[in-house]
Amino acid sequence: MAITKEFLAPVGVMPVVVVDRVEDAVPITNALKAGGIKAVEITLRTPAALDAIRAIKAECEGILVGVGTVINHQNLKDIAEIGVDFAVSPGYTPTLLKQAQDLGVEMLPGVTSPSEVMLGMELGLSCFKLFPAVAVGGLPLLKSIGGPLPQVSFCPTGGLTIDTFTDFLALPNVACVGGTWLVPADAVAAKNWQAITDIAAATTAKISS
């Protein structure tokens, strides 16, 4: 199952969140939602991740819950059982995409080059995560890909900041962006949920201005 530009465009900015403690998952998500965020990507990078995702799905309404760092079949099975809204991967293989399709998981796979985009198009995809966006070429790369492949849309993630993300959103082939700046580790450690809401609000205000 493939994600569409129409699905991604209303999201605008998608926070990429690493949850170390399950008890922080719901407060982080609610803080982001209070700041106007419409979707989150909870990464599978910690032992707490799956339980954190379960808690968010059970307790947080009105926000799309995606799962990042999906790299194998077991990851897909775990999140399919939870019933998440979509999955994000740093890269992809045809096997991984077929497994996602079989499990009914909407995938946003990572790419770094036109060749990977074209292979994904052959597999029925039209939206990709450009990752790590800035490191692999950022704005110039996206502009270059947009020439021969205008039908494809991206969610660039990796290296974007609150000061630069709108430059990416201004491109016609960018549907939304991903970013880690919305959930600073020091704010989470201090349980300063208002700080996260304030950053989210400042971020979403830039989209509407």
N, C-alpha and C. Protein backbone atom coordinates (compact mmCIF):
# COMPACT_ATOMS: atom_id res chain seq x y z
N MET A 1 0.85 -1.19 0.00
CA MET A 1 0.00 0.00 0.00
C MET A 1 0.89 1.24 0.00
N ALA A 2 0.56 2.21 -0.84
CA ALA A 2 1.43 3.36 -1.04
C ALA A 2 0.79 4.64 -0.50
N ILE A 3 1.61 5.46 0.10
CA ILE A 3 1.17 6.77 0.59
C ILE A 3 1.09 7.74 -0.57
N THR A 4 0.11 8.64 -0.55
CA THR A 4 -0.08 9.61 -1.61
C THR A 4 0.27 11.02 -1.15
N LYS A 5 0.46 11.91 -2.11
CA LYS A 5 0.72 13.31 -1.79
C LYS A 5 -0.46 13.92 -1.04
N GLU A 6 -1.65 13.50 -1.41
CA GLU A 6 -2.86 14.02 -0.75
C GLU A 6 -2.90 13.64 0.72
N PHE A 7 -2.32 12.50 1.06
CA PHE A 7 -2.23 12.07 2.46
C PHE A 7 -1.21 12.91 3.21
N LEU A 8 -0.06 13.18 2.58
CA LEU A 8 1.03 13.87 3.26
C LEU A 8 0.86 15.38 3.35
N ALA A 9 0.29 16.00 2.33
CA ALA A 9 0.27 17.46 2.25
C ALA A 9 -0.33 18.15 3.47
N PRO A 10 -1.45 17.67 4.02
CA PRO A 10 -2.01 18.34 5.20
C PRO A 10 -1.12 18.25 6.44
N VAL A 11 -0.16 17.31 6.43
CA VAL A 11 0.70 17.11 7.60
C VAL A 11 1.64 18.29 7.81
N GLY A 12 2.20 18.81 6.72
CA GLY A 12 3.10 19.95 6.81
C GLY A 12 4.45 19.57 7.38
N VAL A 13 4.52 19.46 8.70
CA VAL A 13 5.75 19.07 9.39
C VAL A 13 5.48 17.85 10.26
N MET A 14 6.33 16.84 10.11
CA MET A 14 6.18 15.62 10.89
C MET A 14 7.37 15.47 11.84
N PRO A 15 7.15 15.64 13.15
CA PRO A 15 8.24 15.44 14.10
C PRO A 15 8.74 13.99 14.09
N VAL A 16 10.05 13.84 14.09
CA VAL A 16 10.68 12.53 14.22
C VAL A 16 11.09 12.39 15.68
N VAL A 17 10.47 11.43 16.37
CA VAL A 17 10.57 11.36 17.83
C VAL A 17 11.22 10.05 18.27
N VAL A 18 12.21 10.16 19.14
CA VAL A 18 12.82 9.00 19.79
C VAL A 18 12.33 8.97 21.24
N VAL A 19 11.64 7.90 21.62
CA VAL A 19 11.08 7.80 22.98
C VAL A 19 11.92 6.81 23.79
N ASP A 20 12.55 7.32 24.84
CA ASP A 20 13.36 6.46 25.71
C ASP A 20 12.55 5.87 26.86
N ARG A 21 11.49 6.59 27.28
CA ARG A 21 10.66 6.14 28.41
C ARG A 21 9.21 6.13 27.96
N VAL A 22 8.55 5.00 28.17
CA VAL A 22 7.16 4.85 27.73
C VAL A 22 6.29 5.95 28.31
N GLU A 23 6.53 6.31 29.56
CA GLU A 23 5.67 7.31 30.22
C GLU A 23 5.76 8.69 29.58
N ASP A 24 6.78 8.92 28.74
CA ASP A 24 6.90 10.21 28.07
C ASP A 24 6.13 10.27 26.76
N ALA A 25 5.72 9.13 26.23
CA ALA A 25 5.17 9.07 24.88
C ALA A 25 3.90 9.90 24.72
N VAL A 26 2.95 9.70 25.60
CA VAL A 26 1.68 10.43 25.49
C VAL A 26 1.85 11.92 25.76
N PRO A 27 2.58 12.33 26.80
CA PRO A 27 2.78 13.77 27.00
C PRO A 27 3.48 14.45 25.83
N ILE A 28 4.48 13.79 25.23
CA ILE A 28 5.15 14.36 24.06
C ILE A 28 4.15 14.56 22.93
N THR A 29 3.38 13.53 22.65
CA THR A 29 2.42 13.58 21.54
C THR A 29 1.36 14.64 21.79
N ASN A 30 0.84 14.71 22.99
CA ASN A 30 -0.17 15.72 23.30
C ASN A 30 0.41 17.13 23.21
N ALA A 31 1.67 17.28 23.62
CA ALA A 31 2.32 18.59 23.53
C ALA A 31 2.47 19.02 22.07
N LEU A 32 2.85 18.10 21.21
CA LEU A 32 2.97 18.40 19.79
C LEU A 32 1.61 18.74 19.18
N LYS A 33 0.62 17.95 19.52
CA LYS A 33 -0.73 18.20 19.02
C LYS A 33 -1.23 19.57 19.45
N ALA A 34 -0.95 19.96 20.69
CA ALA A 34 -1.38 21.27 21.20
C ALA A 34 -0.73 22.40 20.42
N GLY A 35 0.43 22.14 19.83
CA GLY A 35 1.12 23.14 19.02
C GLY A 35 0.73 23.11 17.56
N GLY A 36 -0.25 22.29 17.21
CA GLY A 36 -0.75 22.27 15.84
C GLY A 36 -0.21 21.17 14.95
N ILE A 37 0.55 20.24 15.52
CA ILE A 37 1.11 19.14 14.73
C ILE A 37 0.03 18.10 14.44
N LYS A 38 0.02 17.58 13.20
CA LYS A 38 -1.03 16.65 12.77
C LYS A 38 -0.57 15.20 12.65
N ALA A 39 0.74 14.97 12.69
CA ALA A 39 1.26 13.60 12.57
C ALA A 39 2.61 13.51 13.25
N VAL A 40 2.90 12.34 13.80
CA VAL A 40 4.21 12.10 14.42
C VAL A 40 4.82 10.82 13.84
N GLU A 41 6.14 10.79 13.83
CA GLU A 41 6.87 9.57 13.47
C GLU A 41 7.64 9.12 14.70
N ILE A 42 7.21 8.03 15.30
CA ILE A 42 7.89 7.46 16.46
C ILE A 42 8.87 6.41 15.95
N THR A 43 10.15 6.60 16.20
CA THR A 43 11.15 5.70 15.63
C THR A 43 11.34 4.44 16.48
N LEU A 44 11.66 3.36 15.79
CA LEU A 44 11.92 2.09 16.46
C LEU A 44 13.40 1.99 16.84
N ARG A 45 13.87 2.96 17.59
CA ARG A 45 15.30 3.01 17.93
C ARG A 45 15.58 2.70 19.39
N THR A 46 14.55 2.48 20.18
CA THR A 46 14.74 2.22 21.61
C THR A 46 13.89 1.03 22.04
N PRO A 47 14.25 0.39 23.15
CA PRO A 47 13.43 -0.71 23.67
C PRO A 47 12.02 -0.28 24.04
N ALA A 48 11.84 1.00 24.31
CA ALA A 48 10.52 1.49 24.72
C ALA A 48 9.59 1.78 23.56
N ALA A 49 10.11 1.75 22.34
CA ALA A 49 9.37 2.27 21.19
C ALA A 49 8.00 1.63 20.98
N LEU A 50 7.92 0.31 20.94
CA LEU A 50 6.65 -0.34 20.64
C LEU A 50 5.60 -0.07 21.71
N ASP A 51 5.98 -0.14 22.97
CA ASP A 51 5.03 0.17 24.04
C ASP A 51 4.62 1.64 23.99
N ALA A 52 5.55 2.50 23.61
CA ALA A 52 5.23 3.92 23.47
C ALA A 52 4.19 4.13 22.37
N ILE A 53 4.36 3.43 21.27
CA ILE A 53 3.41 3.55 20.15
C ILE A 53 2.04 3.02 20.57
N ARG A 54 2.02 1.92 21.28
CA ARG A 54 0.74 1.38 21.78
C ARG A 54 0.03 2.41 22.66
N ALA A 55 0.78 3.04 23.54
CA ALA A 55 0.18 4.03 24.44
C ALA A 55 -0.37 5.22 23.67
N ILE A 56 0.37 5.67 22.68
CA ILE A 56 -0.09 6.81 21.88
C ILE A 56 -1.36 6.45 21.12
N LYS A 57 -1.38 5.28 20.50
CA LYS A 57 -2.57 4.86 19.76
C LYS A 57 -3.78 4.72 20.67
N ALA A 58 -3.56 4.31 21.90
CA ALA A 58 -4.67 4.10 22.83
C ALA A 58 -5.18 5.40 23.43
N GLU A 59 -4.30 6.38 23.62
CA GLU A 59 -4.66 7.55 24.42
C GLU A 59 -4.69 8.88 23.67
N CYS A 60 -4.11 8.94 22.48
CA CYS A 60 -4.03 10.21 21.76
C CYS A 60 -4.92 10.17 20.52
N GLU A 61 -5.90 11.03 20.48
CA GLU A 61 -6.81 11.10 19.34
C GLU A 61 -6.51 12.35 18.51
N GLY A 62 -6.90 12.30 17.25
CA GLY A 62 -6.78 13.48 16.41
C GLY A 62 -5.38 13.75 15.88
N ILE A 63 -4.51 12.74 15.89
CA ILE A 63 -3.17 12.89 15.34
C ILE A 63 -2.77 11.57 14.68
N LEU A 64 -2.17 11.66 13.51
CA LEU A 64 -1.72 10.46 12.80
C LEU A 64 -0.46 9.91 13.47
N VAL A 65 -0.41 8.61 13.63
CA VAL A 65 0.73 7.97 14.29
C VAL A 65 1.48 7.11 13.28
N GLY A 66 2.67 7.58 12.93
CA GLY A 66 3.55 6.82 12.05
C GLY A 66 4.70 6.23 12.83
N VAL A 67 5.33 5.24 12.24
CA VAL A 67 6.46 4.57 12.88
C VAL A 67 7.66 4.62 11.95
N GLY A 68 8.79 5.11 12.47
CA GLY A 68 10.00 5.22 11.67
C GLY A 68 11.02 4.15 12.00
N THR A 69 12.09 4.12 11.21
CA THR A 69 13.15 3.12 11.34
C THR A 69 12.60 1.70 11.17
N VAL A 70 11.67 1.56 10.24
CA VAL A 70 11.12 0.25 9.89
C VAL A 70 12.04 -0.37 8.85
N ILE A 71 12.75 -1.43 9.24
CA ILE A 71 13.79 -1.97 8.36
C ILE A 71 13.67 -3.45 8.06
N ASN A 72 12.70 -4.14 8.68
CA ASN A 72 12.59 -5.59 8.43
C ASN A 72 11.16 -6.08 8.64
N HIS A 73 10.96 -7.37 8.35
CA HIS A 73 9.63 -7.96 8.42
C HIS A 73 9.08 -7.96 9.84
N GLN A 74 9.93 -8.20 10.82
CA GLN A 74 9.46 -8.21 12.20
C GLN A 74 8.95 -6.84 12.61
N ASN A 75 9.65 -5.79 12.21
CA ASN A 75 9.16 -4.43 12.47
C ASN A 75 7.76 -4.24 11.90
N LEU A 76 7.58 -4.68 10.66
CA LEU A 76 6.28 -4.53 10.01
C LEU A 76 5.20 -5.31 10.74
N LYS A 77 5.50 -6.53 11.14
CA LYS A 77 4.52 -7.34 11.86
C LYS A 77 4.13 -6.69 13.18
N ASP A 78 5.12 -6.17 13.88
CA ASP A 78 4.85 -5.53 15.17
C ASP A 78 3.91 -4.33 15.02
N ILE A 79 4.19 -3.48 14.05
CA ILE A 79 3.39 -2.26 13.93
C ILE A 79 2.04 -2.54 13.28
N ALA A 80 1.97 -3.58 12.44
CA ALA A 80 0.67 -3.96 11.87
C ALA A 80 -0.27 -4.44 12.96
N GLU A 81 0.26 -5.15 13.94
CA GLU A 81 -0.56 -5.63 15.05
C GLU A 81 -1.08 -4.47 15.89
N ILE A 82 -0.28 -3.42 16.02
CA ILE A 82 -0.71 -2.25 16.78
C ILE A 82 -1.76 -1.46 16.01
N GLY A 83 -1.61 -1.42 14.68
CA GLY A 83 -2.55 -0.68 13.87
C GLY A 83 -2.18 0.77 13.68
N VAL A 84 -0.91 1.02 13.31
CA VAL A 84 -0.46 2.40 13.11
C VAL A 84 -0.98 2.93 11.79
N ASP A 85 -0.84 4.25 11.60
CA ASP A 85 -1.39 4.87 10.41
C ASP A 85 -0.46 4.75 9.19
N PHE A 86 0.83 4.69 9.43
CA PHE A 86 1.78 4.54 8.32
C PHE A 86 3.15 4.17 8.88
N ALA A 87 4.04 3.76 7.98
CA ALA A 87 5.40 3.39 8.36
C ALA A 87 6.39 4.15 7.50
N VAL A 88 7.55 4.44 8.10
CA VAL A 88 8.61 5.17 7.40
C VAL A 88 9.90 4.37 7.54
N SER A 89 10.64 4.28 6.43
CA SER A 89 11.90 3.54 6.48
C SER A 89 13.04 4.42 5.99
N PRO A 90 14.27 4.20 6.49
CA PRO A 90 15.40 5.00 6.03
C PRO A 90 15.82 4.66 4.60
N GLY A 91 15.46 3.47 4.16
CA GLY A 91 15.69 3.00 2.80
C GLY A 91 14.65 1.93 2.51
N TYR A 92 14.84 1.17 1.43
CA TYR A 92 13.86 0.11 1.18
C TYR A 92 14.47 -0.97 0.30
N THR A 93 13.82 -2.12 0.34
CA THR A 93 14.08 -3.19 -0.62
C THR A 93 12.74 -3.61 -1.20
N PRO A 94 12.72 -4.18 -2.40
CA PRO A 94 11.45 -4.68 -2.94
C PRO A 94 10.77 -5.67 -2.00
N THR A 95 11.56 -6.49 -1.31
CA THR A 95 11.00 -7.46 -0.37
C THR A 95 10.27 -6.76 0.76
N LEU A 96 10.88 -5.72 1.32
CA LEU A 96 10.25 -4.99 2.41
C LEU A 96 8.93 -4.36 1.97
N LEU A 97 8.92 -3.79 0.77
CA LEU A 97 7.69 -3.18 0.27
C LEU A 97 6.60 -4.22 0.05
N LYS A 98 6.97 -5.38 -0.46
CA LYS A 98 5.99 -6.45 -0.66
C LYS A 98 5.44 -6.93 0.68
N GLN A 99 6.29 -7.04 1.68
CA GLN A 99 5.83 -7.45 3.00
C GLN A 99 4.88 -6.42 3.59
N ALA A 100 5.18 -5.15 3.40
CA ALA A 100 4.29 -4.10 3.89
C ALA A 100 2.93 -4.19 3.21
N GLN A 101 2.95 -4.41 1.90
CA GLN A 101 1.70 -4.55 1.17
C GLN A 101 0.89 -5.73 1.68
N ASP A 102 1.54 -6.85 1.91
CA ASP A 102 0.85 -8.04 2.39
C ASP A 102 0.22 -7.82 3.76
N LEU A 103 0.86 -6.98 4.58
CA LEU A 103 0.36 -6.71 5.93
C LEU A 103 -0.58 -5.51 5.99
N GLY A 104 -0.77 -4.85 4.85
CA GLY A 104 -1.66 -3.69 4.82
C GLY A 104 -1.08 -2.45 5.48
N VAL A 105 0.25 -2.33 5.46
CA VAL A 105 0.91 -1.18 6.08
C VAL A 105 1.26 -0.15 5.01
N GLU A 106 0.81 1.08 5.20
CA GLU A 106 1.16 2.18 4.29
C GLU A 106 2.62 2.56 4.51
N MET A 107 3.41 2.58 3.43
CA MET A 107 4.84 2.81 3.55
C MET A 107 5.29 4.12 2.90
N LEU A 108 6.20 4.81 3.61
CA LEU A 108 6.91 5.96 3.05
C LEU A 108 8.40 5.58 3.08
N PRO A 109 8.91 5.02 1.99
CA PRO A 109 10.28 4.51 2.01
C PRO A 109 11.31 5.58 1.72
N GLY A 110 12.49 5.40 2.29
CA GLY A 110 13.57 6.35 2.10
C GLY A 110 14.33 6.12 0.81
N VAL A 111 14.76 7.23 0.19
CA VAL A 111 15.58 7.18 -1.03
C VAL A 111 16.66 8.26 -0.95
N THR A 112 17.69 8.10 -1.79
CA THR A 112 18.74 9.12 -1.88
C THR A 112 19.07 9.48 -3.31
N SER A 113 18.45 8.81 -4.30
CA SER A 113 18.85 9.02 -5.69
C SER A 113 17.69 8.82 -6.65
N PRO A 114 17.81 9.36 -7.89
CA PRO A 114 16.78 9.13 -8.90
C PRO A 114 16.60 7.65 -9.22
N SER A 115 17.67 6.87 -9.18
CA SER A 115 17.54 5.43 -9.49
C SER A 115 16.63 4.74 -8.49
N GLU A 116 16.79 5.07 -7.21
CA GLU A 116 15.93 4.47 -6.18
C GLU A 116 14.49 4.93 -6.36
N VAL A 117 14.32 6.18 -6.75
CA VAL A 117 12.96 6.69 -7.01
C VAL A 117 12.32 5.92 -8.16
N MET A 118 13.06 5.72 -9.24
CA MET A 118 12.51 5.03 -10.40
C MET A 118 12.16 3.58 -10.07
N LEU A 119 12.99 2.92 -9.28
CA LEU A 119 12.66 1.55 -8.86
C LEU A 119 11.39 1.55 -8.03
N GLY A 120 11.26 2.52 -7.14
CA GLY A 120 10.04 2.62 -6.34
C GLY A 120 8.81 2.88 -7.19
N MET A 121 8.97 3.70 -8.23
CA MET A 121 7.85 3.97 -9.13
C MET A 121 7.40 2.69 -9.83
N GLU A 122 8.36 1.85 -10.20
CA GLU A 122 8.01 0.56 -10.82
C GLU A 122 7.20 -0.31 -9.87
N LEU A 123 7.40 -0.09 -8.58
CA LEU A 123 6.68 -0.87 -7.56
C LEU A 123 5.40 -0.18 -7.10
N GLY A 124 5.02 0.89 -7.79
CA GLY A 124 3.74 1.54 -7.52
C GLY A 124 3.78 2.70 -6.56
N LEU A 125 4.97 3.21 -6.24
CA LEU A 125 5.09 4.31 -5.28
C LEU A 125 5.16 5.66 -5.97
N SER A 126 4.65 6.67 -5.30
CA SER A 126 4.75 8.04 -5.82
C SER A 126 5.25 9.03 -4.78
N CYS A 127 5.42 8.57 -3.53
CA CYS A 127 5.91 9.42 -2.45
C CYS A 127 7.06 8.72 -1.73
N PHE A 128 8.08 9.51 -1.41
CA PHE A 128 9.27 8.95 -0.78
C PHE A 128 9.78 9.88 0.32
N LYS A 129 10.51 9.31 1.25
CA LYS A 129 11.26 10.08 2.23
C LYS A 129 12.66 10.29 1.66
N LEU A 130 13.08 11.54 1.50
CA LEU A 130 14.47 11.80 1.11
C LEU A 130 15.28 11.86 2.39
N PHE A 131 16.19 10.90 2.56
CA PHE A 131 16.95 10.79 3.81
C PHE A 131 18.34 10.24 3.56
N PRO A 132 19.35 10.83 4.22
CA PRO A 132 19.32 12.07 5.03
C PRO A 132 19.35 13.29 4.11
N ALA A 133 18.30 14.06 4.13
CA ALA A 133 18.01 15.04 3.08
C ALA A 133 19.16 16.01 2.81
N VAL A 134 19.61 16.71 3.83
CA VAL A 134 20.64 17.72 3.61
C VAL A 134 21.96 17.07 3.21
N ALA A 135 22.30 15.96 3.82
CA ALA A 135 23.58 15.30 3.55
C ALA A 135 23.69 14.79 2.12
N VAL A 136 22.56 14.39 1.52
CA VAL A 136 22.61 13.81 0.17
C VAL A 136 22.34 14.83 -0.93
N GLY A 137 22.15 16.09 -0.57
CA GLY A 137 21.98 17.10 -1.62
C GLY A 137 20.91 18.13 -1.37
N GLY A 138 19.99 17.85 -0.46
CA GLY A 138 19.01 18.84 -0.03
C GLY A 138 18.22 19.50 -1.14
N LEU A 139 18.11 20.81 -1.07
CA LEU A 139 17.30 21.57 -2.03
C LEU A 139 17.76 21.37 -3.47
N PRO A 140 19.06 21.46 -3.77
CA PRO A 140 19.47 21.27 -5.17
C PRO A 140 19.09 19.89 -5.72
N LEU A 141 19.22 18.86 -4.90
CA LEU A 141 18.86 17.52 -5.36
C LEU A 141 17.37 17.43 -5.65
N LEU A 142 16.55 17.95 -4.75
CA LEU A 142 15.10 17.90 -4.95
C LEU A 142 14.69 18.66 -6.20
N LYS A 143 15.31 19.82 -6.43
CA LYS A 143 15.01 20.59 -7.63
C LYS A 143 15.41 19.82 -8.88
N SER A 144 16.56 19.16 -8.83
CA SER A 144 17.04 18.41 -9.98
C SER A 144 16.14 17.21 -10.29
N ILE A 145 15.73 16.49 -9.26
CA ILE A 145 14.85 15.34 -9.46
C ILE A 145 13.49 15.78 -9.99
N GLY A 146 13.05 16.97 -9.57
CA GLY A 146 11.74 17.46 -10.00
C GLY A 146 11.64 17.70 -11.49
N GLY A 147 12.77 17.89 -12.17
CA GLY A 147 12.74 18.10 -13.61
C GLY A 147 12.26 16.87 -14.36
N PRO A 148 12.99 15.77 -14.29
CA PRO A 148 12.57 14.57 -15.03
C PRO A 148 11.47 13.76 -14.36
N LEU A 149 11.27 13.97 -13.05
CA LEU A 149 10.29 13.15 -12.31
C LEU A 149 9.32 14.04 -11.54
N PRO A 150 8.56 14.88 -12.24
CA PRO A 150 7.67 15.82 -11.55
C PRO A 150 6.48 15.17 -10.87
N GLN A 151 6.19 13.92 -11.22
CA GLN A 151 5.03 13.22 -10.65
C GLN A 151 5.30 12.65 -9.27
N VAL A 152 6.53 12.77 -8.79
CA VAL A 152 6.93 12.18 -7.51
C VAL A 152 7.00 13.26 -6.44
N SER A 153 6.58 12.91 -5.21
CA SER A 153 6.62 13.84 -4.08
C SER A 153 7.50 13.28 -2.97
N PHE A 154 8.01 14.20 -2.14
CA PHE A 154 8.97 13.81 -1.11
C PHE A 154 8.61 14.38 0.26
N CYS A 155 9.11 13.67 1.28
CA CYS A 155 9.14 14.17 2.65
C CYS A 155 10.62 14.21 3.05
N PRO A 156 11.32 15.31 2.77
CA PRO A 156 12.73 15.38 3.15
C PRO A 156 12.92 15.41 4.66
N THR A 157 13.83 14.60 5.14
CA THR A 157 14.08 14.45 6.57
C THR A 157 15.58 14.28 6.79
N GLY A 158 16.10 14.95 7.81
CA GLY A 158 17.51 14.81 8.13
C GLY A 158 18.28 16.08 7.82
N GLY A 159 18.59 16.85 8.86
CA GLY A 159 19.36 18.07 8.68
C GLY A 159 18.54 19.33 8.54
N LEU A 160 17.21 19.21 8.47
CA LEU A 160 16.37 20.40 8.40
C LEU A 160 16.25 21.04 9.79
N THR A 161 16.01 22.35 9.81
CA THR A 161 15.84 23.07 11.07
C THR A 161 14.61 23.95 11.00
N ILE A 162 14.28 24.56 12.13
CA ILE A 162 13.13 25.47 12.16
C ILE A 162 13.36 26.68 11.26
N ASP A 163 14.62 26.97 10.96
CA ASP A 163 14.95 28.12 10.11
C ASP A 163 15.01 27.77 8.63
N THR A 164 15.10 26.49 8.29
CA THR A 164 15.28 26.11 6.88
C THR A 164 14.14 25.29 6.29
N PHE A 165 13.26 24.74 7.13
CA PHE A 165 12.29 23.77 6.60
C PHE A 165 11.32 24.38 5.61
N THR A 166 11.01 25.67 5.75
CA THR A 166 10.06 26.29 4.82
C THR A 166 10.64 26.40 3.41
N ASP A 167 11.97 26.46 3.29
CA ASP A 167 12.58 26.46 1.96
C ASP A 167 12.27 25.15 1.24
N PHE A 168 12.23 24.06 1.99
CA PHE A 168 11.90 22.77 1.40
C PHE A 168 10.41 22.69 1.06
N LEU A 169 9.57 23.15 1.97
CA LEU A 169 8.12 23.10 1.72
C LEU A 169 7.71 23.93 0.52
N ALA A 170 8.52 24.92 0.17
CA ALA A 170 8.19 25.78 -0.96
C ALA A 170 8.36 25.09 -2.30
N LEU A 171 9.07 23.97 -2.32
CA LEU A 171 9.28 23.25 -3.58
C LEU A 171 8.02 22.49 -3.98
N PRO A 172 7.69 22.46 -5.26
CA PRO A 172 6.45 21.80 -5.69
C PRO A 172 6.45 20.30 -5.49
N ASN A 173 7.62 19.68 -5.40
CA ASN A 173 7.65 18.22 -5.22
C ASN A 173 7.88 17.81 -3.77
N VAL A 174 7.72 18.74 -2.84
CA VAL A 174 7.80 18.43 -1.42
C VAL A 174 6.39 18.49 -0.82
N ALA A 175 5.92 17.35 -0.31
CA ALA A 175 4.57 17.28 0.27
C ALA A 175 4.57 17.69 1.73
N CYS A 176 5.61 17.28 2.46
CA CYS A 176 5.77 17.64 3.87
C CYS A 176 7.23 17.44 4.22
N VAL A 177 7.60 17.79 5.44
CA VAL A 177 8.98 17.59 5.87
C VAL A 177 9.00 16.88 7.22
N GLY A 178 10.12 16.22 7.52
CA GLY A 178 10.30 15.61 8.83
C GLY A 178 11.41 16.33 9.57
N GLY A 179 11.28 16.38 10.90
CA GLY A 179 12.30 17.09 11.66
C GLY A 179 12.41 16.65 13.10
N THR A 180 13.62 16.75 13.63
CA THR A 180 13.88 16.38 15.02
C THR A 180 13.91 17.58 15.95
N TRP A 181 13.88 18.78 15.40
CA TRP A 181 14.02 19.97 16.25
C TRP A 181 12.81 20.20 17.16
N LEU A 182 11.69 19.57 16.87
CA LEU A 182 10.48 19.85 17.63
C LEU A 182 10.46 19.21 19.01
N VAL A 183 11.29 18.21 19.23
CA VAL A 183 11.29 17.51 20.52
C VAL A 183 12.72 17.46 21.07
N PRO A 184 13.20 18.56 21.64
CA PRO A 184 14.57 18.58 22.17
C PRO A 184 14.73 17.61 23.34
N ALA A 185 15.86 16.94 23.38
CA ALA A 185 16.11 15.95 24.43
C ALA A 185 16.08 16.58 25.82
N ASP A 186 16.56 17.83 25.93
CA ASP A 186 16.58 18.45 27.25
C ASP A 186 15.18 18.76 27.75
N ALA A 187 14.27 19.11 26.82
CA ALA A 187 12.88 19.37 27.22
C ALA A 187 12.21 18.08 27.70
N VAL A 188 12.48 16.98 27.02
CA VAL A 188 11.91 15.70 27.43
C VAL A 188 12.47 15.28 28.78
N ALA A 189 13.77 15.43 28.96
CA ALA A 189 14.40 15.03 30.22
C ALA A 189 13.82 15.81 31.40
N ALA A 190 13.49 17.08 31.15
CA ALA A 190 12.93 17.94 32.20
C ALA A 190 11.41 17.84 32.27
N LYS A 191 10.83 17.02 31.38
CA LYS A 191 9.37 16.91 31.27
C LYS A 191 8.73 18.28 31.06
N ASN A 192 9.40 19.10 30.27
CA ASN A 192 8.92 20.44 29.96
C ASN A 192 8.07 20.36 28.70
N TRP A 193 6.86 19.88 28.87
CA TRP A 193 5.98 19.66 27.72
C TRP A 193 5.56 20.98 27.08
N GLN A 194 5.47 22.03 27.86
CA GLN A 194 5.10 23.33 27.31
C GLN A 194 6.15 23.83 26.32
N ALA A 195 7.42 23.54 26.59
CA ALA A 195 8.48 23.94 25.67
C ALA A 195 8.29 23.28 24.31
N ILE A 196 7.88 22.01 24.33
CA ILE A 196 7.63 21.29 23.07
C ILE A 196 6.43 21.89 22.35
N THR A 197 5.39 22.21 23.09
CA THR A 197 4.22 22.86 22.48
C THR A 197 4.62 24.19 21.85
N ASP A 198 5.44 24.96 22.55
CA ASP A 198 5.86 26.27 22.03
C ASP A 198 6.66 26.13 20.74
N ILE A 199 7.55 25.15 20.69
CA ILE A 199 8.33 24.93 19.46
C ILE A 199 7.41 24.48 18.32
N ALA A 200 6.48 23.59 18.63
CA ALA A 200 5.53 23.13 17.62
C ALA A 200 4.69 24.28 17.10
N ALA A 201 4.23 25.14 18.00
CA ALA A 201 3.41 26.28 17.59
C ALA A 201 4.21 27.25 16.73
N ALA A 202 5.47 27.49 17.10
CA ALA A 202 6.32 28.37 16.31
C ALA A 202 6.57 27.78 14.92
N THR A 203 6.68 26.47 14.87
CA THR A 203 6.90 25.79 13.60
C THR A 203 5.68 25.86 12.71
N THR A 204 4.53 25.52 13.25
CA THR A 204 3.31 25.53 12.43
C THR A 204 2.92 26.94 12.02
N ALA A 205 3.28 27.93 12.84
CA ALA A 205 2.99 29.32 12.48
C ALA A 205 3.75 29.72 11.22
N LYS A 206 4.93 29.16 11.02
CA LYS A 206 5.72 29.48 9.83
C LYS A 206 5.06 28.91 8.57
N ILE A 207 4.33 27.82 8.73
CA ILE A 207 3.66 27.23 7.57
C ILE A 207 2.50 28.11 7.12
N SER A 208 1.77 28.64 8.08
CA SER A 208 0.56 29.41 7.76
C SER A 208 0.85 30.88 7.47
N SER A 209 2.08 31.33 7.74
CA SER A 209 2.39 32.75 7.54
C SER A 209 2.71 33.06 6.09
